[in-house]
């Protein structure tokens, strides 16, 4: 680490005590998203997404993160709290009653390709009495710690599941939440506030997308004429994914963030940046 970086790290660690800004960063191999909240005015003062042309390596994403911190003025300040969200498919849910910390690798190896050298972490999801076991981007965590000191991190699916379960506490319908990204999407199925299924799927075409949605419904014996599908993420009512879903599923809605923040610049929709903003 260069002298300038060391100085920045020391300065931020000291100044962060008196900062009125919280930073949330969502990390994926397809890009980065940033959100800064001014806690005094309860205002989101910075919201930005940087997408890559293709799926990159964790090393390339770290380079992009460093470059963004060096060039984006809004990020060149002290923060009181920093939250990092790791978005990848290397995660699995384990019932809390069966969870043993010494078996982290065993939980993951059956449905994810992991290396013996991978660092494995976990989040407790209290509302579901489960544990989310996952592989974070360690190089990203190391960089954030070097620059800012103590910070918190969670897996993307932890934030998504926690937020949806909180939203569904008093609901009685079966709902399929579909969180759309540029090259993959997540499905969360809930019934009367209880988690029934979480899974992640990669897609290229709209036909790929609807196949996985309908396959999931079939496996859970959900009738497309009765099922409520709730979209969130990168989707609108005039794009191809919405149009093809509407051909097969009768009831389609868009999720709404439940936050009380003010915005200098409002997101393009009330279901965009769902996990990023709810992590604050």
Protein backbone atom coordinates (compact mmCIF):
# COMPACT_ATOMS: atom_id res chain seq x y z
CA UNK A 1 0.00 0.00 0.00
CA UNK A 2 1.36 3.42 -0.98
CA UNK A 3 1.97 6.25 1.50
CA UNK A 4 -1.06 8.17 0.23
CA UNK A 5 -3.31 5.17 0.81
CA UNK A 6 -1.97 4.75 4.35
CA UNK A 7 -2.66 8.41 5.09
CA UNK A 8 -6.18 8.11 3.70
CA UNK A 9 -6.83 5.02 5.83
CA UNK A 10 -5.64 6.73 9.02
CA UNK A 11 -7.59 9.92 8.27
CA UNK A 12 -10.82 8.06 7.51
CA UNK A 13 -10.58 5.88 10.60
CA UNK A 14 -10.29 8.96 12.81
CA UNK A 15 -12.73 11.23 10.96
CA UNK A 16 -15.37 8.54 10.54
CA UNK A 17 -16.27 9.01 14.22
CA UNK A 18 -17.74 12.45 13.48
CA UNK A 19 -19.11 11.77 9.99
CA UNK A 20 -22.82 12.06 9.26
CA UNK A 21 -22.69 9.83 6.18
CA UNK A 22 -23.21 6.09 5.77
CA UNK A 23 -22.01 4.24 2.69
CA UNK A 24 -23.45 1.06 1.19
CA UNK A 25 -21.63 -0.78 -1.63
CA UNK A 26 -23.00 -3.74 -3.59
CA UNK A 27 -20.31 -5.86 -5.24
CA UNK A 28 -20.87 -8.30 -8.09
CA UNK A 29 -18.77 -9.61 -10.95
CA UNK A 30 -20.98 -7.56 -13.27
CA UNK A 31 -20.30 -4.25 -11.58
CA UNK A 32 -20.71 -2.04 -8.52
CA UNK A 33 -23.46 0.02 -6.91
CA UNK A 34 -23.00 2.81 -4.37
CA UNK A 35 -25.39 4.59 -2.02
CA UNK A 36 -24.56 7.37 0.45
CA UNK A 37 -27.05 8.37 3.14
CA UNK A 38 -26.79 11.64 5.05
CA UNK A 39 -28.08 10.53 8.45
CA UNK A 40 -28.76 14.07 9.71
CA UNK A 41 -31.13 14.99 6.89
CA UNK A 42 -32.21 11.36 6.21
CA UNK A 43 -31.37 11.99 2.55
CA UNK A 44 -29.78 9.70 -0.01
CA UNK A 45 -27.24 12.10 -1.47
CA UNK A 46 -25.46 9.73 -3.86
CA UNK A 47 -26.72 6.74 -5.82
CA UNK A 48 -24.72 5.24 -8.64
CA UNK A 49 -24.37 1.97 -10.54
CA UNK A 50 -21.34 0.99 -12.63
CA UNK A 51 -21.91 -2.00 -14.93
CA UNK A 52 -19.22 -3.95 -16.76
CA UNK A 53 -19.60 -5.19 -20.33
CA UNK A 54 -19.04 -8.79 -19.24
CA UNK A 55 -18.65 -10.86 -16.13
CA UNK A 56 -15.27 -9.98 -14.63
CA UNK A 57 -12.93 -11.58 -12.10
CA UNK A 58 -12.79 -10.43 -8.46
CA UNK A 59 -9.39 -8.87 -9.25
CA UNK A 60 -10.84 -6.74 -12.07
CA UNK A 61 -13.74 -5.70 -9.86
CA UNK A 62 -11.28 -4.61 -7.17
CA UNK A 63 -9.44 -2.49 -9.76
CA UNK A 64 -12.77 -0.93 -10.73
CA UNK A 65 -13.59 -0.25 -7.07
CA UNK A 66 -10.23 1.43 -6.46
CA UNK A 67 -10.58 3.51 -9.61
CA UNK A 68 -14.06 4.63 -8.56
CA UNK A 69 -12.88 5.71 -5.11
CA UNK A 70 -10.06 7.66 -6.74
CA UNK A 71 -12.25 9.46 -9.31
CA UNK A 72 -15.67 9.89 -7.65
CA UNK A 73 -15.62 12.97 -5.41
CA UNK A 74 -18.66 11.86 -3.41
CA UNK A 75 -16.68 8.83 -2.20
CA UNK A 76 -13.63 10.84 -1.14
CA UNK A 77 -14.90 11.60 2.33
CA UNK A 78 -15.23 9.99 5.73
CA UNK A 79 -18.10 7.66 6.59
CA UNK A 80 -19.60 6.79 9.93
CA UNK A 81 -20.74 3.35 8.77
CA UNK A 82 -19.87 1.24 5.74
CA UNK A 83 -21.94 -1.72 4.60
CA UNK A 84 -20.75 -4.09 1.87
CA UNK A 85 -23.11 -6.48 0.06
CA UNK A 86 -21.51 -9.44 -1.69
CA UNK A 87 -23.55 -10.59 -4.67
CA UNK A 88 -22.73 -14.02 -6.09
CA UNK A 89 -24.19 -17.50 -6.45
CA UNK A 90 -21.85 -19.01 -3.83
CA UNK A 91 -24.38 -19.18 -1.02
CA UNK A 92 -26.69 -21.68 0.61
CA UNK A 93 -29.26 -21.60 3.43
CA UNK A 94 -28.94 -23.93 6.41
CA UNK A 95 -31.56 -24.36 9.17
CA UNK A 96 -30.23 -22.80 12.36
CA UNK A 97 -30.94 -26.00 14.30
CA UNK A 98 -28.59 -27.97 12.02
CA UNK A 99 -25.87 -25.34 11.64
CA UNK A 100 -22.35 -26.00 12.89
CA UNK A 101 -19.68 -23.43 12.15
CA UNK A 102 -16.97 -26.04 11.65
CA UNK A 103 -18.89 -27.47 8.68
CA UNK A 104 -19.11 -24.33 6.54
CA UNK A 105 -17.34 -25.85 3.52
CA UNK A 106 -19.55 -28.95 3.64
CA UNK A 107 -22.71 -26.88 3.36
CA UNK A 108 -21.46 -25.12 0.24
CA UNK A 109 -19.67 -27.83 -1.69
CA UNK A 110 -22.82 -29.68 -2.76
CA UNK A 111 -24.29 -26.82 -4.78
CA UNK A 112 -21.37 -24.42 -5.39
CA UNK A 113 -17.92 -24.70 -6.88
CA UNK A 114 -15.57 -23.63 -4.13
CA UNK A 115 -11.81 -23.84 -3.69
CA UNK A 116 -10.06 -25.19 -0.62
CA UNK A 117 -8.49 -21.76 -0.19
CA UNK A 118 -11.84 -19.90 -0.22
CA UNK A 119 -12.76 -17.98 2.90
CA UNK A 120 -16.32 -18.83 3.94
CA UNK A 121 -18.54 -16.61 6.03
CA UNK A 122 -22.16 -16.72 7.23
CA UNK A 123 -25.09 -14.47 8.15
CA UNK A 124 -27.82 -15.36 10.61
CA UNK A 125 -31.35 -14.69 9.36
CA UNK A 126 -33.28 -14.41 12.60
CA UNK A 127 -36.71 -14.01 10.99
CA UNK A 128 -36.31 -17.38 9.32
CA UNK A 129 -34.23 -19.20 11.96
CA UNK A 130 -31.67 -19.99 9.27
CA UNK A 131 -28.02 -19.31 8.46
CA UNK A 132 -26.79 -18.09 5.07
CA UNK A 133 -23.39 -19.64 4.32
CA UNK A 134 -21.42 -17.95 1.51
CA UNK A 135 -18.09 -16.96 0.00
CA UNK A 136 -17.46 -13.19 0.20
CA UNK A 137 -15.00 -11.34 -2.05
CA UNK A 138 -12.09 -11.35 0.38
CA UNK A 139 -9.94 -8.99 -1.70
CA UNK A 140 -12.75 -6.43 -1.58
CA UNK A 141 -13.13 -6.82 2.19
CA UNK A 142 -9.39 -6.43 2.70
CA UNK A 143 -9.30 -3.24 0.64
CA UNK A 144 -12.26 -1.69 2.45
CA UNK A 145 -10.72 -2.51 5.83
CA UNK A 146 -7.35 -1.03 4.82
CA UNK A 147 -9.02 2.19 3.72
CA UNK A 148 -11.75 2.67 6.33
CA UNK A 149 -11.26 0.27 9.21
CA UNK A 150 -14.21 -1.60 10.71
CA UNK A 151 -17.20 -2.20 8.43
CA UNK A 152 -20.07 -4.68 8.13
CA UNK A 153 -20.85 -7.05 5.29
CA UNK A 154 -23.58 -9.45 4.28
CA UNK A 155 -24.48 -11.61 1.35
CA UNK A 156 -26.90 -10.11 -1.16
CA UNK A 157 -29.45 -12.88 -0.58
CA UNK A 158 -29.46 -12.22 3.17
CA UNK A 159 -30.60 -8.62 2.63
CA UNK A 160 -33.12 -9.70 -0.01
CA UNK A 161 -34.66 -12.47 2.11
CA UNK A 162 -34.72 -10.41 5.32
CA UNK A 163 -36.42 -7.49 3.59
CA UNK A 164 -39.04 -9.64 1.87
CA UNK A 165 -39.85 -11.64 5.02
CA UNK A 166 -40.29 -8.43 6.99
CA UNK A 167 -42.59 -7.11 4.28
CA UNK A 168 -44.61 -10.35 4.23
CA UNK A 169 -45.17 -10.73 7.99
CA UNK A 170 -48.90 -10.04 7.85
CA UNK A 171 -49.61 -11.32 4.34
CA UNK A 172 -51.62 -14.47 3.62
CA UNK A 173 -51.01 -14.98 -0.11
CA UNK A 174 -48.36 -17.10 -1.80
CA UNK A 175 -45.98 -14.82 -3.66
CA UNK A 176 -43.03 -15.36 -5.95
CA UNK A 177 -40.58 -12.46 -5.80
CA UNK A 178 -38.31 -12.23 -8.84
CA UNK A 179 -35.29 -9.94 -8.48
CA UNK A 180 -33.95 -9.21 -11.98
CA UNK A 181 -30.32 -8.41 -12.80
CA UNK A 182 -28.66 -8.03 -16.20
CA UNK A 183 -27.50 -11.66 -16.51
CA UNK A 184 -29.17 -13.48 -13.61
CA UNK A 185 -32.17 -13.30 -11.34
CA UNK A 186 -33.22 -14.52 -7.94
CA UNK A 187 -36.50 -16.15 -6.95
CA UNK A 188 -37.87 -15.90 -3.42
CA UNK A 189 -41.14 -17.71 -2.73
CA UNK A 190 -43.04 -16.93 0.47
CA UNK A 191 -46.28 -18.23 1.93
CA UNK A 192 -47.95 -16.49 4.89
CA UNK A 193 -44.68 -14.82 5.83
CA UNK A 194 -42.65 -18.04 5.66
CA UNK A 195 -39.79 -18.66 3.24
CA UNK A 196 -40.56 -21.57 0.90
CA UNK A 197 -37.70 -21.25 -1.60
CA UNK A 198 -34.70 -19.13 -2.55
CA UNK A 199 -32.66 -19.77 -5.70
CA UNK A 200 -30.58 -17.93 -8.27
CA UNK A 201 -30.60 -18.50 -12.05
CA UNK A 202 -28.50 -17.25 -14.95
CA UNK A 203 -30.27 -16.31 -18.18
CA UNK A 204 -29.48 -14.97 -21.63
CA UNK A 205 -32.85 -14.80 -23.37
CA UNK A 206 -36.37 -14.07 -22.18
CA UNK A 207 -37.17 -17.71 -22.93
CA UNK A 208 -34.49 -18.79 -20.44
CA UNK A 209 -36.05 -16.49 -17.90
CA UNK A 210 -39.64 -17.71 -18.21
CA UNK A 211 -38.53 -21.34 -18.31
CA UNK A 212 -36.94 -21.08 -14.84
CA UNK A 213 -39.88 -19.11 -13.46
CA UNK A 214 -42.45 -21.64 -14.68
CA UNK A 215 -40.24 -24.60 -13.71
CA UNK A 216 -40.00 -23.26 -10.16
CA UNK A 217 -43.77 -22.78 -10.03
CA UNK A 218 -44.30 -26.34 -11.28
CA UNK A 219 -41.92 -27.85 -8.73
CA UNK A 220 -43.77 -26.07 -5.93
CA UNK A 221 -47.16 -26.98 -7.44
CA UNK A 222 -48.13 -23.33 -7.83
CA UNK A 223 -50.91 -22.51 -10.29
CA UNK A 224 -49.79 -19.69 -12.65
CA UNK A 225 -53.41 -18.46 -12.75
CA UNK A 226 -53.41 -17.96 -8.98
CA UNK A 227 -49.77 -17.19 -8.23
CA UNK A 228 -48.78 -13.57 -7.49
CA UNK A 229 -45.47 -12.72 -9.13
CA UNK A 230 -43.72 -9.64 -7.72
CA UNK A 231 -40.95 -8.06 -9.78
CA UNK A 232 -38.07 -6.03 -8.39
CA UNK A 233 -34.64 -4.97 -9.62
CA UNK A 234 -33.88 -4.15 -13.26
CA UNK A 235 -37.29 -4.63 -14.82
CA UNK A 236 -40.12 -2.38 -16.02
CA UNK A 237 -43.64 -2.91 -17.33
CA UNK A 238 -42.57 -2.48 -20.97
CA UNK A 239 -39.53 -4.73 -21.23
CA UNK A 240 -39.35 -8.25 -22.64
CA UNK A 241 -39.17 -10.09 -19.31
CA UNK A 242 -42.36 -8.48 -18.06
CA UNK A 243 -44.15 -9.09 -21.36
CA UNK A 244 -43.31 -12.79 -21.53
CA UNK A 245 -44.15 -13.32 -17.85
CA UNK A 246 -47.55 -11.72 -18.41
CA UNK A 247 -48.32 -14.28 -21.11
CA UNK A 248 -48.16 -17.12 -18.60
CA UNK A 249 -48.82 -15.59 -15.17
CA UNK A 250 -52.06 -13.78 -14.45
CA UNK A 251 -51.17 -11.67 -11.42
CA UNK A 252 -48.02 -9.54 -11.75
CA UNK A 253 -46.99 -6.70 -9.46
CA UNK A 254 -43.94 -4.54 -8.78
CA UNK A 255 -42.42 -4.45 -5.32
CA UNK A 256 -42.05 -1.20 -3.43
CA UNK A 257 -39.20 -0.19 -1.17
CA UNK A 258 -40.42 0.74 2.30
CA UNK A 259 -37.99 3.47 3.27
CA UNK A 260 -38.48 6.98 4.61
CA UNK A 261 -35.46 8.51 2.88
CA UNK A 262 -35.46 11.68 0.86
CA UNK A 263 -33.48 11.65 -2.38
CA UNK A 264 -31.39 14.22 -4.18
CA UNK A 265 -32.04 12.14 -7.28
CA UNK A 266 -34.83 9.58 -7.11
CA UNK A 267 -34.17 6.06 -8.46
CA UNK A 268 -35.84 5.29 -11.78
CA UNK A 269 -38.43 3.17 -10.00
CA UNK A 270 -39.57 2.25 -6.51
CA UNK A 271 -38.23 -1.28 -6.95
CA UNK A 272 -34.75 -0.35 -8.23
CA UNK A 273 -31.65 -0.58 -5.96
CA UNK A 274 -33.82 -2.69 -3.65
CA UNK A 275 -31.12 -4.46 -1.66
CA UNK A 276 -28.61 -1.60 -1.77
CA UNK A 277 -30.98 0.90 -0.17
CA UNK A 278 -32.49 -1.59 2.28
CA UNK A 279 -29.00 -2.41 3.57
CA UNK A 280 -28.63 1.07 5.08
